[in-house]
Amino acid sequence: MTDHFHTIVIGAGSGGMTVAVGLSNLGKQVAFIEGHHVGGDCTNVGCVPSKTLIHLAKTFKPGMNPDDALREVTRKRDALREKKQKK
């Protein structure tokens, strides 16, 4: 741990993370100040969760039991995780 930083980034959302990683890759010491969740709104409550809900809605067919739709999405998620682990 260091007590000297080249840059202090306020906000650990997508913009702040991009700046911090870029500076870190240049050998700079970077600190964050974040008042909520690392990753920002997009990662935690915006873009990523909404994409999950959109995918579930596209999987759901008229007349389909909601439990069946959830099982299908879960099956696809598990297959993707297994594929990634094999790499």
Protein backbone atom coordinates (compact mmCIF):
# COMPACT_ATOMS: atom_id res chain seq x y z
CA MET A 1 0.00 0.00 0.00
CA THR A 2 1.27 3.43 -0.85
CA ASP A 3 0.49 6.86 0.54
CA HIS A 4 1.56 8.63 -2.67
CA PHE A 5 -0.61 8.67 -5.77
CA HIS A 6 -0.07 10.27 -9.15
CA THR A 7 -3.83 10.55 -9.64
CA ILE A 8 -6.94 10.23 -7.52
CA VAL A 9 -10.00 9.22 -9.54
CA ILE A 10 -13.36 10.31 -8.16
CA GLY A 11 -15.95 7.72 -9.14
CA ALA A 12 -15.34 4.07 -9.95
CA GLY A 13 -17.89 3.85 -12.74
CA SER A 14 -17.04 2.97 -16.32
CA GLY A 15 -15.32 6.31 -17.00
CA GLY A 16 -13.30 6.31 -13.80
CA MET A 17 -12.28 2.69 -14.28
CA THR A 18 -11.13 3.40 -17.85
CA VAL A 19 -8.98 6.31 -16.71
CA ALA A 20 -7.54 4.36 -13.77
CA VAL A 21 -6.64 1.30 -15.84
CA GLY A 22 -5.05 3.45 -18.54
CA LEU A 23 -2.93 5.36 -16.03
CA SER A 24 -2.02 2.17 -14.19
CA ASN A 25 -0.84 0.65 -17.48
CA LEU A 26 1.45 3.67 -17.80
CA GLY A 27 2.96 2.87 -14.40
CA LYS A 28 1.06 5.49 -12.42
CA GLN A 29 -0.17 4.98 -8.85
CA VAL A 30 -3.94 5.50 -8.85
CA ALA A 31 -6.45 5.77 -6.00
CA PHE A 32 -10.26 5.73 -6.18
CA ILE A 33 -12.84 7.65 -4.22
CA GLU A 34 -16.21 5.95 -4.65
CA GLY A 35 -19.32 6.71 -2.62
CA HIS A 36 -21.42 3.75 -3.71
CA HIS A 37 -20.65 0.60 -5.69
CA VAL A 38 -17.55 -0.03 -7.78
CA GLY A 39 -18.61 -0.39 -11.39
CA GLY A 40 -21.14 2.43 -11.33
CA ASP A 41 -24.81 2.46 -12.16
CA CYS A 42 -24.47 0.73 -15.53
CA THR A 43 -22.85 -2.37 -14.05
CA ASN A 44 -24.93 -2.58 -10.89
CA VAL A 45 -28.42 -1.28 -11.66
CA GLY A 46 -28.57 -0.08 -15.26
CA CYS A 47 -27.24 -1.64 -18.44
CA VAL A 48 -26.17 -5.10 -17.27
CA PRO A 49 -29.29 -5.97 -15.22
CA SER A 50 -31.56 -4.60 -17.95
CA LYS A 51 -29.85 -6.78 -20.58
CA THR A 52 -30.58 -9.81 -18.40
CA LEU A 53 -34.25 -8.86 -18.18
CA ILE A 54 -34.43 -8.19 -21.93
CA HIS A 55 -32.92 -11.62 -22.64
CA LEU A 56 -35.45 -13.26 -20.31
CA ALA A 57 -38.28 -11.40 -22.05
CA LYS A 58 -37.06 -12.61 -25.47
CA THR A 59 -36.87 -16.18 -24.17
CA PHE A 60 -40.41 -16.02 -22.82
CA LYS A 61 -42.96 -17.15 -25.43
CA PRO A 62 -46.72 -16.47 -25.30
CA GLY A 63 -48.40 -19.12 -23.18
CA MET A 64 -45.08 -20.23 -21.71
CA ASN A 65 -44.93 -20.92 -18.00
CA PRO A 66 -42.64 -18.31 -16.35
CA ASP A 67 -40.82 -21.09 -14.51
CA ASP A 68 -40.01 -22.77 -17.84
CA ALA A 69 -38.62 -19.51 -19.22
CA LEU A 70 -36.43 -19.05 -16.15
CA ARG A 71 -35.18 -22.65 -16.42
CA GLU A 72 -34.28 -22.06 -20.09
CA VAL A 73 -32.32 -18.90 -19.30
CA THR A 74 -30.59 -20.67 -16.40
CA ARG A 75 -29.70 -23.61 -18.68
CA LYS A 76 -28.17 -21.24 -21.24
CA ARG A 77 -26.25 -19.36 -18.54
CA ASP A 78 -24.86 -22.59 -17.10
CA ALA A 79 -23.82 -23.81 -20.56
CA LEU A 80 -22.01 -20.51 -21.19
CA ARG A 81 -20.21 -20.71 -17.83
CA GLU A 82 -19.11 -24.28 -18.57
CA LYS A 83 -17.83 -23.25 -22.01
CA LYS A 84 -15.84 -20.35 -20.50
CA GLN A 85 -14.32 -22.60 -17.82
CA LYS A 86 -13.02 -25.00 -20.48
CA LYS A 87 -10.98 -22.22 -22.12
